[in-house]
């Protein structure tokens, strides 16, 4: 297998900047909680952390043409999530985004496999 490693800044969700009324927020949270009882979460350990990711590192499978593994870094450059990992399926690994789209849409830059593996191993070691 051959992989390409990239990194890019996380885009800020416009929804997080909008102010919601208390009633709308309550209704939205109630629906989400009800759905979570029925439908299992794709990323139970990291759903709350995804919004804190400021930069993504992606291992892209060149042969099969899809994201294979991902790492989320916070605003201090610390690894706050890796996926897939344990019961967490992934955020980007659940998409069929092509490498060229990561580069054109997200201005992704290539990084070394060593940079990616260092971050991955750092997280795994500290969360055993």
C-alpha atoms as a PDB file:
ATOM      1  CA  UNK A   1       0.000   0.000   0.000  1.00  0.00           C
ATOM      2  CA  UNK A   2       1.105   3.521  -0.687  1.00  0.00           C
ATOM      3  CA  UNK A   3      -0.124   6.501   1.252  1.00  0.00           C
ATOM      4  CA  UNK A   4      -0.006  10.254   0.879  1.00  0.00           C
ATOM      5  CA  UNK A   5      -0.013  12.326   4.062  1.00  0.00           C
ATOM      6  CA  UNK A   6      -1.592  15.778   4.149  1.00  0.00           C
ATOM      7  CA  UNK A   7      -2.591  18.458   6.629  1.00  0.00           C
ATOM      8  CA  UNK A   8      -5.004  21.363   6.451  1.00  0.00           C
ATOM      9  CA  UNK A   9      -6.720  23.895   8.670  1.00  0.00           C
ATOM     10  CA  UNK A  10     -10.193  23.028   9.902  1.00  0.00           C
ATOM     11  CA  UNK A  11     -12.868  25.324   8.583  1.00  0.00           C
ATOM     12  CA  UNK A  12     -14.994  27.163  11.126  1.00  0.00           C
ATOM     13  CA  UNK A  13     -18.606  26.065  11.092  1.00  0.00           C
ATOM     14  CA  UNK A  14     -20.957  28.933  10.344  1.00  0.00           C
ATOM     15  CA  UNK A  15     -23.527  27.337  12.630  1.00  0.00           C
ATOM     16  CA  UNK A  16     -21.284  27.897  15.625  1.00  0.00           C
ATOM     17  CA  UNK A  17     -21.333  31.642  14.975  1.00  0.00           C
ATOM     18  CA  UNK A  18     -25.103  31.937  14.725  1.00  0.00           C
ATOM     19  CA  UNK A  19     -27.139  32.754  17.796  1.00  0.00           C
ATOM     20  CA  UNK A  20     -30.036  30.409  18.437  1.00  0.00           C
ATOM     21  CA  UNK A  21     -33.056  31.117  20.549  1.00  0.00           C
ATOM     22  CA  UNK A  22     -33.306  29.171  23.800  1.00  0.00           C
ATOM     23  CA  UNK A  23     -36.397  27.331  22.546  1.00  0.00           C
ATOM     24  CA  UNK A  24     -34.726  26.355  19.273  1.00  0.00           C
ATOM     25  CA  UNK A  25     -31.590  25.170  21.081  1.00  0.00           C
ATOM     26  CA  UNK A  26     -33.681  23.125  23.553  1.00  0.00           C
ATOM     27  CA  UNK A  27     -35.673  21.493  20.738  1.00  0.00           C
ATOM     28  CA  UNK A  28     -32.508  20.721  18.750  1.00  0.00           C
ATOM     29  CA  UNK A  29     -30.741  19.202  21.776  1.00  0.00           C
ATOM     30  CA  UNK A  30     -33.824  17.156  22.681  1.00  0.00           C
ATOM     31  CA  UNK A  31     -34.032  15.691  19.188  1.00  0.00           C
ATOM     32  CA  UNK A  32     -30.322  14.889  19.164  1.00  0.00           C
ATOM     33  CA  UNK A  33     -30.517  13.152  22.560  1.00  0.00           C
ATOM     34  CA  UNK A  34     -33.535  11.110  21.448  1.00  0.00           C
ATOM     35  CA  UNK A  35     -31.763  10.035  18.251  1.00  0.00           C
ATOM     36  CA  UNK A  36     -28.637   9.074  20.174  1.00  0.00           C
ATOM     37  CA  UNK A  37     -30.707   6.589  22.179  1.00  0.00           C
ATOM     38  CA  UNK A  38     -31.796   4.878  18.953  1.00  0.00           C
ATOM     39  CA  UNK A  39     -28.835   5.337  16.611  1.00  0.00           C
ATOM     40  CA  UNK A  40     -25.340   4.571  17.866  1.00  0.00           C
ATOM     41  CA  UNK A  41     -22.800   7.369  17.535  1.00  0.00           C
ATOM     42  CA  UNK A  42     -20.157   6.993  14.838  1.00  0.00           C
ATOM     43  CA  UNK A  43     -17.522   8.561  17.097  1.00  0.00           C
ATOM     44  CA  UNK A  44     -18.686   8.148  20.708  1.00  0.00           C
ATOM     45  CA  UNK A  45     -15.386   9.222  22.275  1.00  0.00           C
ATOM     46  CA  UNK A  46     -14.735  12.174  19.982  1.00  0.00           C
ATOM     47  CA  UNK A  47     -18.023  13.727  18.824  1.00  0.00           C
ATOM     48  CA  UNK A  48     -17.564  16.595  21.280  1.00  0.00           C
ATOM     49  CA  UNK A  49     -13.906  17.081  20.316  1.00  0.00           C
ATOM     50  CA  UNK A  50     -14.456  17.405  16.553  1.00  0.00           C
ATOM     51  CA  UNK A  51     -15.487  21.064  16.904  1.00  0.00           C
ATOM     52  CA  UNK A  52     -12.209  21.752  18.761  1.00  0.00           C
ATOM     53  CA  UNK A  53     -10.038  20.519  15.889  1.00  0.00           C
ATOM     54  CA  UNK A  54      -8.054  23.376  14.326  1.00  0.00           C
ATOM     55  CA  UNK A  55      -5.927  21.266  11.986  1.00  0.00           C
ATOM     56  CA  UNK A  56      -6.397  17.845  10.410  1.00  0.00           C
ATOM     57  CA  UNK A  57      -3.718  15.354   9.409  1.00  0.00           C
ATOM     58  CA  UNK A  58      -4.912  12.719   6.949  1.00  0.00           C
ATOM     59  CA  UNK A  59      -3.379   9.467   5.776  1.00  0.00           C
ATOM     60  CA  UNK A  60      -4.730   9.001   2.250  1.00  0.00           C
ATOM     61  CA  UNK A  61      -4.768   5.529   0.664  1.00  0.00           C
ATOM     62  CA  UNK A  62      -3.476   6.120  -2.878  1.00  0.00           C
ATOM     63  CA  UNK A  63      -4.402   2.676  -4.154  1.00  0.00           C
ATOM     64  CA  UNK A  64      -8.036   2.664  -2.988  1.00  0.00           C
ATOM     65  CA  UNK A  65      -8.473   6.432  -3.278  1.00  0.00           C
ATOM     66  CA  UNK A  66      -9.912   7.289   0.144  1.00  0.00           C
ATOM     67  CA  UNK A  67      -8.908   8.746   3.544  1.00  0.00           C
ATOM     68  CA  UNK A  68      -7.593   5.917   5.707  1.00  0.00           C
ATOM     69  CA  UNK A  69      -6.697   7.492   9.083  1.00  0.00           C
ATOM     70  CA  UNK A  70      -7.066  10.971  10.550  1.00  0.00           C
ATOM     71  CA  UNK A  71      -5.665  13.027  13.389  1.00  0.00           C
ATOM     72  CA  UNK A  72      -7.191  16.155  14.907  1.00  0.00           C
ATOM     73  CA  UNK A  73      -5.012  18.834  16.493  1.00  0.00           C
ATOM     74  CA  UNK A  74      -6.260  21.606  18.774  1.00  0.00           C
ATOM     75  CA  UNK A  75      -5.249  25.292  18.643  1.00  0.00           C
ATOM     76  CA  UNK A  76      -2.047  24.482  20.573  1.00  0.00           C
ATOM     77  CA  UNK A  77      -1.007  21.754  18.108  1.00  0.00           C
ATOM     78  CA  UNK A  78      -1.834  18.960  20.554  1.00  0.00           C
ATOM     79  CA  UNK A  79      -3.396  15.730  19.308  1.00  0.00           C
ATOM     80  CA  UNK A  80      -6.953  15.541  20.647  1.00  0.00           C
ATOM     81  CA  UNK A  81      -8.294  12.681  18.529  1.00  0.00           C
ATOM     82  CA  UNK A  82      -7.284   9.926  16.142  1.00  0.00           C
ATOM     83  CA  UNK A  83      -9.656   7.874  14.051  1.00  0.00           C
ATOM     84  CA  UNK A  84     -10.525   5.191  13.349  1.00  0.00           C
ATOM     85  CA  UNK A  85      -9.690   4.173  16.896  1.00  0.00           C
ATOM     86  CA  UNK A  86     -11.542   1.803  19.216  1.00  0.00           C
ATOM     87  CA  UNK A  87     -15.299   2.449  18.691  1.00  0.00           C
ATOM     88  CA  UNK A  88     -14.724   5.631  16.682  1.00  0.00           C
ATOM     89  CA  UNK A  89     -15.209   5.206  12.963  1.00  0.00           C
ATOM     90  CA  UNK A  90     -13.926   8.572  11.794  1.00  0.00           C
ATOM     91  CA  UNK A  91     -14.915  11.950  10.416  1.00  0.00           C
ATOM     92  CA  UNK A  92     -13.010  12.113   7.113  1.00  0.00           C
ATOM     93  CA  UNK A  93     -12.764   8.344   6.682  1.00  0.00           C
ATOM     94  CA  UNK A  94     -16.539   8.375   6.351  1.00  0.00           C
ATOM     95  CA  UNK A  95     -16.307  10.577   3.234  1.00  0.00           C
ATOM     96  CA  UNK A  96     -15.387   9.814  -0.346  1.00  0.00           C
ATOM     97  CA  UNK A  97     -13.299  12.949  -0.816  1.00  0.00           C
ATOM     98  CA  UNK A  98     -10.491  12.556  -3.330  1.00  0.00           C
ATOM     99  CA  UNK A  99      -6.939  13.702  -2.616  1.00  0.00           C
ATOM    100  CA  UNK A 100      -7.201  16.375  -5.297  1.00  0.00           C
ATOM    101  CA  UNK A 101     -10.303  17.763  -3.565  1.00  0.00           C
ATOM    102  CA  UNK A 102      -8.498  17.977  -0.219  1.00  0.00           C
ATOM    103  CA  UNK A 103      -5.746  19.940  -1.938  1.00  0.00           C
ATOM    104  CA  UNK A 104      -8.011  22.244  -3.961  1.00  0.00           C
ATOM    105  CA  UNK A 105     -10.861  22.770  -1.478  1.00  0.00           C
ATOM    106  CA  UNK A 106      -8.963  22.753   1.821  1.00  0.00           C
ATOM    107  CA  UNK A 107      -5.531  23.907   0.611  1.00  0.00           C
ATOM    108  CA  UNK A 108      -4.041  20.720   2.054  1.00  0.00           C
ATOM    109  CA  UNK A 109      -0.255  20.458   2.147  1.00  0.00           C
ATOM    110  CA  UNK A 110       1.737  17.243   1.976  1.00  0.00           C
ATOM    111  CA  UNK A 111       3.555  16.123   5.114  1.00  0.00           C
ATOM    112  CA  UNK A 112       5.880  13.214   5.886  1.00  0.00           C
ATOM    113  CA  UNK A 113       4.671   9.851   7.086  1.00  0.00           C
ATOM    114  CA  UNK A 114       6.976  10.356  10.096  1.00  0.00           C
ATOM    115  CA  UNK A 115       5.071  13.494  11.171  1.00  0.00           C
ATOM    116  CA  UNK A 116       1.775  11.640  10.936  1.00  0.00           C
ATOM    117  CA  UNK A 117       3.028   8.505  12.734  1.00  0.00           C
ATOM    118  CA  UNK A 118       4.620  10.552  15.526  1.00  0.00           C
ATOM    119  CA  UNK A 119       1.285  12.233  16.283  1.00  0.00           C
ATOM    120  CA  UNK A 120      -0.648   8.952  15.986  1.00  0.00           C
ATOM    121  CA  UNK A 121       1.731   7.083  18.301  1.00  0.00           C
ATOM    122  CA  UNK A 122       1.813   9.970  20.791  1.00  0.00           C
ATOM    123  CA  UNK A 123      -1.970   9.776  21.184  1.00  0.00           C
ATOM    124  CA  UNK A 124      -2.083   5.975  21.408  1.00  0.00           C
ATOM    125  CA  UNK A 125       0.681   5.899  24.005  1.00  0.00           C
ATOM    126  CA  UNK A 126      -1.013   8.480  26.205  1.00  0.00           C
ATOM    127  CA  UNK A 127      -4.463   6.818  25.963  1.00  0.00           C
ATOM    128  CA  UNK A 128      -3.698   3.175  26.722  1.00  0.00           C
END
